[in-house]
């Protein structure tokens, strides 16, 4: 399993981001309060430090549909505990349960109208620990988003705990 660390498990490319997508996302995220004008008003956005309309950092251009999806994990389907390893064609840990162990994200370039985002998810790490209920496997994946200019938009690390 350790030999699979660094392997790409998923790749996605978004459709070009539309200003209306940004506005709807901001309205939903800030509800019931009004969203900051820099996310919905072109004139206010031009006067902001970003000098134009930008998406909130947590905006997800893949929320509705991706223009292209690929990679082993996208073809694996299902929600079983060994899904990641099955997708990579390696034996899984054969543990019984899984839960979300946390997510951390670092945001860089802001997403703007017209941007096309590419997401590449890789298997970043495996760590074993002993738990009250037996052995636990901490599996970390890293999702790297870049825009069409290859500038990093976001890096996120997610940990899955299986036991």
N, C-alpha and C. Protein backbone atom coordinates (compact mmCIF):
# COMPACT_ATOMS: atom_id res chain seq x y z
N UNK A 1 0.82 -1.19 0.00
CA UNK A 1 0.00 0.00 0.00
C UNK A 1 0.87 1.26 0.00
N UNK A 2 1.98 1.23 0.74
CA UNK A 2 2.85 2.42 0.79
C UNK A 2 3.41 2.77 -0.59
N UNK A 3 3.59 1.78 -1.44
CA UNK A 3 4.11 2.04 -2.79
C UNK A 3 3.14 2.88 -3.62
N UNK A 4 1.88 2.90 -3.23
CA UNK A 4 0.87 3.68 -3.98
C UNK A 4 0.86 5.15 -3.59
N UNK A 5 1.57 5.53 -2.52
CA UNK A 5 1.61 6.94 -2.11
C UNK A 5 2.16 7.78 -3.25
N UNK A 6 1.49 8.87 -3.54
CA UNK A 6 1.86 9.75 -4.64
C UNK A 6 1.09 9.49 -5.92
N UNK A 7 0.30 8.41 -5.94
CA UNK A 7 -0.48 8.05 -7.11
C UNK A 7 -1.69 8.97 -7.26
N UNK A 8 -1.96 9.40 -8.49
CA UNK A 8 -3.15 10.20 -8.77
C UNK A 8 -4.37 9.28 -8.73
N UNK A 9 -5.37 9.70 -7.96
CA UNK A 9 -6.59 8.89 -7.85
C UNK A 9 -7.79 9.54 -8.52
N UNK A 10 -7.71 10.85 -8.79
CA UNK A 10 -8.84 11.53 -9.41
C UNK A 10 -8.36 12.79 -10.11
N UNK A 11 -8.97 13.07 -11.27
CA UNK A 11 -8.69 14.31 -12.00
C UNK A 11 -10.02 14.86 -12.51
N UNK A 12 -10.22 16.16 -12.34
CA UNK A 12 -11.43 16.80 -12.84
C UNK A 12 -11.07 18.16 -13.43
N UNK A 13 -11.85 18.57 -14.41
CA UNK A 13 -11.72 19.91 -14.98
C UNK A 13 -13.10 20.53 -14.98
N UNK A 14 -13.17 21.77 -14.53
CA UNK A 14 -14.46 22.46 -14.44
C UNK A 14 -14.84 23.08 -15.78
N UNK A 15 -16.10 23.43 -15.89
CA UNK A 15 -16.54 24.31 -16.96
C UNK A 15 -16.02 25.71 -16.61
N UNK A 16 -15.94 26.63 -17.55
CA UNK A 16 -15.56 28.01 -17.20
C UNK A 16 -16.51 28.57 -16.14
N UNK A 17 -15.95 29.25 -15.17
CA UNK A 17 -16.76 29.82 -14.09
C UNK A 17 -17.55 31.00 -14.62
N UNK A 18 -18.85 31.00 -14.35
CA UNK A 18 -19.74 32.06 -14.80
C UNK A 18 -19.98 33.05 -13.64
N UNK A 19 -20.07 34.34 -13.93
CA UNK A 19 -20.35 35.30 -12.84
C UNK A 19 -21.62 34.95 -12.06
N UNK A 20 -22.62 34.39 -12.74
CA UNK A 20 -23.85 34.00 -12.04
C UNK A 20 -23.61 32.88 -11.04
N UNK A 21 -22.68 31.96 -11.36
CA UNK A 21 -22.33 30.90 -10.40
C UNK A 21 -21.76 31.52 -9.13
N UNK A 22 -20.88 32.49 -9.30
CA UNK A 22 -20.26 33.17 -8.14
C UNK A 22 -21.33 33.87 -7.31
N UNK A 23 -22.22 34.58 -7.98
CA UNK A 23 -23.29 35.30 -7.25
C UNK A 23 -24.19 34.34 -6.48
N UNK A 24 -24.63 33.27 -7.13
CA UNK A 24 -25.51 32.30 -6.46
C UNK A 24 -24.81 31.65 -5.27
N UNK A 25 -23.53 31.31 -5.44
CA UNK A 25 -22.78 30.68 -4.35
C UNK A 25 -22.70 31.65 -3.16
N UNK A 26 -22.36 32.91 -3.45
CA UNK A 26 -22.23 33.90 -2.37
C UNK A 26 -23.56 34.11 -1.66
N UNK A 27 -24.65 34.17 -2.41
CA UNK A 27 -25.98 34.34 -1.79
C UNK A 27 -26.26 33.16 -0.86
N UNK A 28 -25.96 31.94 -1.32
CA UNK A 28 -26.22 30.75 -0.51
C UNK A 28 -25.34 30.70 0.74
N UNK A 29 -24.07 31.03 0.59
CA UNK A 29 -23.13 30.94 1.70
C UNK A 29 -23.41 31.98 2.78
N UNK A 30 -23.79 33.17 2.38
CA UNK A 30 -24.00 34.24 3.36
C UNK A 30 -25.45 34.33 3.87
N UNK A 31 -26.35 33.55 3.30
CA UNK A 31 -27.75 33.56 3.70
C UNK A 31 -27.87 33.35 5.20
N UNK A 32 -28.71 34.03 5.95
CA UNK A 32 -29.75 34.95 5.50
C UNK A 32 -29.26 36.39 5.34
N UNK A 33 -27.98 36.65 5.62
CA UNK A 33 -27.45 37.99 5.41
C UNK A 33 -27.13 38.19 3.93
N UNK A 34 -27.10 39.42 3.48
CA UNK A 34 -26.72 39.65 2.08
C UNK A 34 -25.23 39.38 1.90
N UNK A 35 -24.83 38.89 0.74
CA UNK A 35 -23.41 38.64 0.51
C UNK A 35 -22.64 39.95 0.36
N UNK A 36 -21.34 39.94 0.61
CA UNK A 36 -20.54 41.15 0.36
C UNK A 36 -20.68 41.58 -1.10
N UNK A 37 -20.77 42.87 -1.31
CA UNK A 37 -21.01 43.38 -2.66
C UNK A 37 -19.90 43.00 -3.64
N UNK A 38 -18.69 42.75 -3.16
CA UNK A 38 -17.59 42.37 -4.06
C UNK A 38 -17.83 41.03 -4.74
N UNK A 39 -18.78 40.22 -4.23
CA UNK A 39 -19.10 38.93 -4.84
C UNK A 39 -20.30 39.00 -5.80
N UNK A 40 -21.04 40.11 -5.77
CA UNK A 40 -22.25 40.16 -6.58
C UNK A 40 -22.36 41.39 -7.48
N UNK A 41 -21.66 42.45 -7.16
CA UNK A 41 -21.77 43.72 -7.88
C UNK A 41 -20.46 44.01 -8.61
N UNK A 42 -20.51 44.03 -9.95
CA UNK A 42 -19.29 44.24 -10.75
C UNK A 42 -18.59 45.55 -10.41
N UNK A 43 -19.35 46.61 -10.22
CA UNK A 43 -18.74 47.91 -9.93
C UNK A 43 -18.04 47.90 -8.57
N UNK A 44 -18.71 47.34 -7.56
CA UNK A 44 -18.09 47.24 -6.24
C UNK A 44 -16.86 46.32 -6.29
N UNK A 45 -16.95 45.27 -7.09
CA UNK A 45 -15.83 44.34 -7.22
C UNK A 45 -14.61 45.02 -7.84
N UNK A 46 -14.83 45.90 -8.83
CA UNK A 46 -13.70 46.62 -9.45
C UNK A 46 -13.02 47.54 -8.45
N UNK A 47 -13.77 48.05 -7.47
CA UNK A 47 -13.22 48.94 -6.46
C UNK A 47 -12.55 48.18 -5.30
N UNK A 48 -12.72 46.86 -5.27
CA UNK A 48 -12.14 46.04 -4.19
C UNK A 48 -10.65 45.81 -4.44
N UNK A 49 -9.94 45.30 -3.46
CA UNK A 49 -8.52 44.98 -3.65
C UNK A 49 -8.28 43.95 -4.76
N UNK A 50 -9.31 43.17 -5.10
CA UNK A 50 -9.17 42.15 -6.16
C UNK A 50 -9.36 42.73 -7.56
N UNK A 51 -9.85 43.98 -7.63
CA UNK A 51 -10.04 44.70 -8.90
C UNK A 51 -10.92 43.94 -9.89
N UNK A 52 -11.92 43.29 -9.38
CA UNK A 52 -12.85 42.57 -10.23
C UNK A 52 -13.57 41.50 -9.43
N UNK A 53 -14.59 40.94 -10.03
CA UNK A 53 -15.40 39.91 -9.39
C UNK A 53 -14.55 38.68 -9.11
N UNK A 54 -14.60 38.21 -7.88
CA UNK A 54 -13.92 36.97 -7.49
C UNK A 54 -14.92 36.10 -6.75
N UNK A 55 -14.63 34.81 -6.71
CA UNK A 55 -15.49 33.88 -5.98
C UNK A 55 -15.05 33.83 -4.52
N UNK A 56 -16.00 33.55 -3.61
CA UNK A 56 -15.59 33.27 -2.24
C UNK A 56 -14.59 32.11 -2.25
N UNK A 57 -13.66 32.10 -1.32
CA UNK A 57 -12.60 31.08 -1.35
C UNK A 57 -13.14 29.66 -1.36
N UNK A 58 -14.24 29.42 -0.66
CA UNK A 58 -14.79 28.07 -0.56
C UNK A 58 -15.66 27.69 -1.76
N UNK A 59 -15.74 28.56 -2.77
CA UNK A 59 -16.52 28.27 -3.98
C UNK A 59 -16.05 26.95 -4.59
N UNK A 60 -17.00 26.14 -5.04
CA UNK A 60 -16.68 24.85 -5.64
C UNK A 60 -17.17 24.81 -7.08
N UNK A 61 -16.26 24.93 -8.06
CA UNK A 61 -16.69 24.91 -9.46
C UNK A 61 -17.14 23.53 -9.93
N UNK A 62 -16.99 22.52 -9.09
CA UNK A 62 -17.40 21.16 -9.42
C UNK A 62 -18.71 20.77 -8.73
N UNK A 63 -19.35 21.71 -8.05
CA UNK A 63 -20.53 21.39 -7.23
C UNK A 63 -21.67 20.80 -8.05
N UNK A 64 -21.85 21.25 -9.27
CA UNK A 64 -22.98 20.77 -10.07
C UNK A 64 -22.55 19.74 -11.10
N UNK A 65 -21.46 20.00 -11.77
CA UNK A 65 -21.03 19.13 -12.85
C UNK A 65 -19.61 19.48 -13.25
N UNK A 66 -18.84 18.51 -13.65
CA UNK A 66 -17.49 18.76 -14.17
C UNK A 66 -17.51 18.59 -15.68
N UNK A 67 -16.67 19.35 -16.36
CA UNK A 67 -16.56 19.22 -17.81
C UNK A 67 -15.86 17.91 -18.16
N UNK A 68 -14.93 17.49 -17.29
CA UNK A 68 -14.19 16.25 -17.52
C UNK A 68 -13.86 15.64 -16.16
N UNK A 69 -14.07 14.33 -16.05
CA UNK A 69 -13.70 13.59 -14.84
C UNK A 69 -12.91 12.37 -15.25
N UNK A 70 -11.92 12.02 -14.47
CA UNK A 70 -11.13 10.84 -14.77
C UNK A 70 -10.33 10.42 -13.57
N UNK A 71 -9.58 9.38 -13.74
CA UNK A 71 -8.77 8.84 -12.65
C UNK A 71 -9.41 7.59 -12.09
N UNK A 72 -8.61 6.82 -11.41
CA UNK A 72 -9.04 5.52 -10.90
C UNK A 72 -10.22 5.63 -9.94
N UNK A 73 -10.20 6.61 -9.05
CA UNK A 73 -11.24 6.71 -8.03
C UNK A 73 -12.60 7.02 -8.66
N UNK A 74 -12.61 7.82 -9.72
CA UNK A 74 -13.87 8.15 -10.37
C UNK A 74 -14.51 6.93 -11.02
N UNK A 75 -13.72 5.96 -11.39
CA UNK A 75 -14.25 4.75 -12.00
C UNK A 75 -14.59 3.67 -10.98
N UNK A 76 -14.17 3.83 -9.72
CA UNK A 76 -14.34 2.78 -8.72
C UNK A 76 -15.77 2.63 -8.25
N UNK A 77 -16.49 3.75 -8.09
CA UNK A 77 -17.87 3.69 -7.64
C UNK A 77 -18.00 3.11 -6.24
N UNK A 78 -19.18 3.21 -5.70
CA UNK A 78 -19.45 2.61 -4.40
C UNK A 78 -18.89 3.41 -3.24
N UNK A 79 -19.20 2.96 -2.04
CA UNK A 79 -18.76 3.67 -0.84
C UNK A 79 -18.15 2.70 0.16
N UNK A 80 -17.57 1.58 -0.31
CA UNK A 80 -17.04 0.62 0.65
C UNK A 80 -15.72 1.12 1.23
N UNK A 81 -15.32 0.52 2.34
CA UNK A 81 -14.14 0.94 3.10
C UNK A 81 -12.86 0.80 2.28
N UNK A 82 -12.82 -0.11 1.33
CA UNK A 82 -11.62 -0.34 0.53
C UNK A 82 -11.67 0.33 -0.85
N UNK A 83 -12.57 1.29 -1.03
CA UNK A 83 -12.79 1.91 -2.34
C UNK A 83 -11.51 2.50 -2.93
N UNK A 84 -10.75 3.22 -2.13
CA UNK A 84 -9.54 3.87 -2.63
C UNK A 84 -8.54 2.84 -3.15
N UNK A 85 -8.28 1.83 -2.36
CA UNK A 85 -7.31 0.81 -2.78
C UNK A 85 -7.84 0.00 -3.97
N UNK A 86 -9.12 -0.30 -3.95
CA UNK A 86 -9.72 -1.03 -5.08
C UNK A 86 -9.53 -0.23 -6.37
N UNK A 87 -9.72 1.09 -6.27
CA UNK A 87 -9.55 1.96 -7.44
C UNK A 87 -8.11 1.94 -7.94
N UNK A 88 -7.16 1.79 -7.02
CA UNK A 88 -5.75 1.76 -7.40
C UNK A 88 -5.26 0.37 -7.79
N UNK A 89 -6.14 -0.63 -7.64
CA UNK A 89 -5.77 -1.99 -8.01
C UNK A 89 -4.84 -2.66 -7.02
N UNK A 90 -4.92 -2.24 -5.76
CA UNK A 90 -4.09 -2.86 -4.71
C UNK A 90 -5.00 -3.41 -3.62
N UNK A 91 -4.53 -4.38 -2.84
CA UNK A 91 -5.35 -4.91 -1.75
C UNK A 91 -5.60 -3.83 -0.71
N UNK A 92 -6.82 -3.79 -0.19
CA UNK A 92 -7.18 -2.82 0.83
C UNK A 92 -6.91 -3.35 2.22
N UNK A 93 -7.11 -2.53 3.24
CA UNK A 93 -6.83 -2.95 4.61
C UNK A 93 -7.88 -3.88 5.20
N UNK A 94 -9.01 -4.04 4.52
CA UNK A 94 -10.10 -4.90 4.99
C UNK A 94 -10.54 -4.56 6.41
N UNK A 95 -10.68 -3.29 6.70
CA UNK A 95 -11.22 -2.84 7.97
C UNK A 95 -12.72 -2.64 7.80
N UNK A 96 -13.45 -2.49 8.88
CA UNK A 96 -14.92 -2.50 8.81
C UNK A 96 -15.59 -1.14 8.74
N UNK A 97 -14.99 -0.13 9.34
CA UNK A 97 -15.65 1.16 9.47
C UNK A 97 -14.74 2.28 9.00
N UNK A 98 -15.37 3.43 8.64
CA UNK A 98 -14.58 4.60 8.27
C UNK A 98 -15.29 5.86 8.73
N UNK A 99 -14.52 6.89 8.98
CA UNK A 99 -15.09 8.19 9.33
C UNK A 99 -14.14 9.29 8.88
N UNK A 100 -14.69 10.48 8.76
CA UNK A 100 -13.92 11.63 8.33
C UNK A 100 -12.99 12.05 9.45
N UNK A 101 -11.70 12.11 9.18
CA UNK A 101 -10.72 12.49 10.18
C UNK A 101 -10.32 13.95 10.10
N UNK A 102 -10.90 14.71 9.18
CA UNK A 102 -10.62 16.13 9.11
C UNK A 102 -10.21 16.59 7.72
N UNK A 103 -10.31 17.88 7.51
CA UNK A 103 -9.97 18.51 6.24
C UNK A 103 -9.27 19.82 6.55
N UNK A 104 -8.16 20.06 5.88
CA UNK A 104 -7.50 21.36 6.00
C UNK A 104 -7.27 21.89 4.59
N UNK A 105 -7.48 23.19 4.43
CA UNK A 105 -7.35 23.78 3.10
C UNK A 105 -6.52 25.06 3.18
N UNK A 106 -5.72 25.28 2.16
CA UNK A 106 -4.95 26.51 2.01
C UNK A 106 -5.35 27.13 0.68
N UNK A 107 -5.79 28.37 0.72
CA UNK A 107 -6.27 29.06 -0.47
C UNK A 107 -5.18 30.01 -0.99
N UNK A 108 -5.02 30.06 -2.30
CA UNK A 108 -4.02 30.92 -2.93
C UNK A 108 -4.71 31.91 -3.86
N UNK A 109 -4.58 31.73 -5.19
CA UNK A 109 -5.22 32.61 -6.17
C UNK A 109 -6.73 32.54 -6.04
N UNK A 110 -7.39 33.67 -6.21
CA UNK A 110 -8.85 33.69 -6.18
C UNK A 110 -9.40 33.25 -7.54
N UNK A 111 -10.54 32.56 -7.52
CA UNK A 111 -11.20 32.15 -8.76
C UNK A 111 -12.01 33.33 -9.28
N UNK A 112 -11.98 33.48 -10.60
CA UNK A 112 -12.64 34.60 -11.27
C UNK A 112 -13.52 34.09 -12.40
N UNK A 113 -14.45 34.92 -12.87
CA UNK A 113 -15.24 34.52 -14.03
C UNK A 113 -14.34 34.14 -15.20
N UNK A 114 -14.70 33.06 -15.88
CA UNK A 114 -13.93 32.58 -17.03
C UNK A 114 -12.86 31.57 -16.66
N UNK A 115 -12.47 31.49 -15.38
CA UNK A 115 -11.44 30.53 -14.98
C UNK A 115 -11.93 29.10 -15.22
N UNK A 116 -11.01 28.26 -15.62
CA UNK A 116 -11.25 26.82 -15.74
C UNK A 116 -10.32 26.17 -14.72
N UNK A 117 -10.89 25.44 -13.79
CA UNK A 117 -10.14 24.86 -12.68
C UNK A 117 -9.91 23.37 -12.93
N UNK A 118 -8.68 22.94 -12.70
CA UNK A 118 -8.34 21.51 -12.78
C UNK A 118 -7.97 21.04 -11.38
N UNK A 119 -8.59 19.96 -10.97
CA UNK A 119 -8.36 19.35 -9.66
C UNK A 119 -7.65 18.02 -9.86
N UNK A 120 -6.56 17.83 -9.14
CA UNK A 120 -5.85 16.54 -9.16
C UNK A 120 -5.73 16.06 -7.72
N UNK A 121 -6.31 14.89 -7.45
CA UNK A 121 -6.26 14.31 -6.11
C UNK A 121 -5.27 13.15 -6.11
N UNK A 122 -4.36 13.18 -5.13
CA UNK A 122 -3.37 12.10 -5.01
C UNK A 122 -3.45 11.48 -3.62
N UNK A 123 -3.02 10.24 -3.54
CA UNK A 123 -2.87 9.57 -2.26
C UNK A 123 -1.61 10.13 -1.61
N UNK A 124 -1.76 10.81 -0.48
CA UNK A 124 -0.63 11.52 0.13
C UNK A 124 0.07 10.72 1.23
N UNK A 125 -0.66 9.91 2.00
CA UNK A 125 0.00 9.25 3.13
C UNK A 125 -0.88 8.17 3.74
N UNK A 126 -0.24 7.22 4.36
CA UNK A 126 -0.87 6.22 5.21
C UNK A 126 -0.16 6.27 6.57
N UNK A 127 -0.90 6.23 7.66
CA UNK A 127 -0.34 6.13 9.00
C UNK A 127 -1.16 5.10 9.78
N UNK A 128 -0.49 4.25 10.52
CA UNK A 128 -1.18 3.26 11.35
C UNK A 128 -1.07 3.66 12.81
N UNK A 129 -2.15 3.41 13.55
CA UNK A 129 -2.15 3.65 15.00
C UNK A 129 -3.01 2.60 15.67
N UNK A 130 -2.71 2.35 16.92
CA UNK A 130 -3.54 1.43 17.71
C UNK A 130 -4.66 2.23 18.35
N UNK A 131 -5.87 1.69 18.31
CA UNK A 131 -7.02 2.34 18.93
C UNK A 131 -7.69 1.41 19.92
N UNK A 132 -8.64 1.92 20.67
CA UNK A 132 -9.37 1.12 21.65
C UNK A 132 -10.04 -0.08 21.01
N UNK A 133 -10.48 0.09 19.75
CA UNK A 133 -11.19 -0.99 19.06
C UNK A 133 -10.29 -1.82 18.15
N UNK A 134 -9.00 -1.55 18.19
CA UNK A 134 -8.06 -2.30 17.35
C UNK A 134 -7.25 -1.37 16.46
N UNK A 135 -6.64 -1.93 15.41
CA UNK A 135 -5.79 -1.11 14.53
C UNK A 135 -6.62 -0.09 13.74
N UNK A 136 -6.01 1.08 13.55
CA UNK A 136 -6.64 2.14 12.77
C UNK A 136 -5.69 2.54 11.64
N UNK A 137 -6.25 2.85 10.50
CA UNK A 137 -5.47 3.32 9.36
C UNK A 137 -5.93 4.73 9.01
N UNK A 138 -4.99 5.69 9.08
CA UNK A 138 -5.26 7.07 8.72
C UNK A 138 -4.76 7.26 7.28
N UNK A 139 -5.68 7.54 6.38
CA UNK A 139 -5.36 7.70 4.97
C UNK A 139 -5.57 9.16 4.59
N UNK A 140 -4.53 9.78 4.05
CA UNK A 140 -4.62 11.19 3.68
C UNK A 140 -4.53 11.34 2.16
N UNK A 141 -5.46 12.10 1.60
CA UNK A 141 -5.40 12.46 0.19
C UNK A 141 -5.19 13.96 0.09
N UNK A 142 -4.55 14.38 -1.00
CA UNK A 142 -4.34 15.80 -1.24
C UNK A 142 -4.99 16.18 -2.55
N UNK A 143 -5.78 17.24 -2.52
CA UNK A 143 -6.47 17.75 -3.71
C UNK A 143 -5.84 19.10 -4.07
N UNK A 144 -5.27 19.20 -5.26
CA UNK A 144 -4.60 20.42 -5.73
C UNK A 144 -5.39 21.01 -6.88
N UNK A 145 -5.84 22.25 -6.71
CA UNK A 145 -6.60 22.95 -7.75
C UNK A 145 -5.72 24.00 -8.39
N UNK A 146 -5.72 24.05 -9.72
CA UNK A 146 -5.01 25.09 -10.45
C UNK A 146 -5.97 25.71 -11.48
N UNK A 147 -5.70 26.96 -11.84
CA UNK A 147 -6.50 27.59 -12.89
C UNK A 147 -5.84 27.37 -14.25
N UNK A 148 -6.40 27.94 -15.28
CA UNK A 148 -5.91 27.72 -16.64
C UNK A 148 -4.50 28.28 -16.84
N UNK A 149 -4.04 29.15 -15.96
CA UNK A 149 -2.68 29.69 -16.03
C UNK A 149 -1.71 28.88 -15.17
N UNK A 150 -2.18 27.75 -14.65
CA UNK A 150 -1.41 26.84 -13.80
C UNK A 150 -1.07 27.45 -12.43
N UNK A 151 -1.79 28.50 -12.03
CA UNK A 151 -1.61 29.09 -10.70
C UNK A 151 -2.43 28.28 -9.69
N UNK A 152 -1.84 27.99 -8.56
CA UNK A 152 -2.54 27.24 -7.52
C UNK A 152 -3.69 28.07 -6.95
N UNK A 153 -4.85 27.46 -6.92
CA UNK A 153 -6.05 28.07 -6.35
C UNK A 153 -6.26 27.56 -4.93
N UNK A 154 -6.08 26.26 -4.74
CA UNK A 154 -6.34 25.66 -3.43
C UNK A 154 -5.58 24.35 -3.31
N UNK A 155 -5.14 24.07 -2.11
CA UNK A 155 -4.61 22.75 -1.74
C UNK A 155 -5.39 22.31 -0.52
N UNK A 156 -5.95 21.11 -0.59
CA UNK A 156 -6.71 20.59 0.55
C UNK A 156 -6.23 19.18 0.87
N UNK A 157 -6.10 18.89 2.14
CA UNK A 157 -5.72 17.56 2.60
C UNK A 157 -6.88 17.01 3.43
N UNK A 158 -7.32 15.80 3.06
CA UNK A 158 -8.41 15.15 3.78
C UNK A 158 -7.90 13.85 4.38
N UNK A 159 -8.26 13.61 5.62
CA UNK A 159 -7.87 12.39 6.30
C UNK A 159 -9.09 11.51 6.53
N UNK A 160 -8.97 10.26 6.19
CA UNK A 160 -10.01 9.26 6.39
C UNK A 160 -9.48 8.29 7.44
N UNK A 161 -10.27 8.03 8.47
CA UNK A 161 -9.88 7.08 9.51
C UNK A 161 -10.67 5.80 9.30
N UNK A 162 -9.94 4.71 9.15
CA UNK A 162 -10.60 3.40 8.99
C UNK A 162 -10.15 2.50 10.15
N UNK A 163 -11.10 1.71 10.65
CA UNK A 163 -10.80 0.81 11.77
C UNK A 163 -11.64 -0.43 11.71
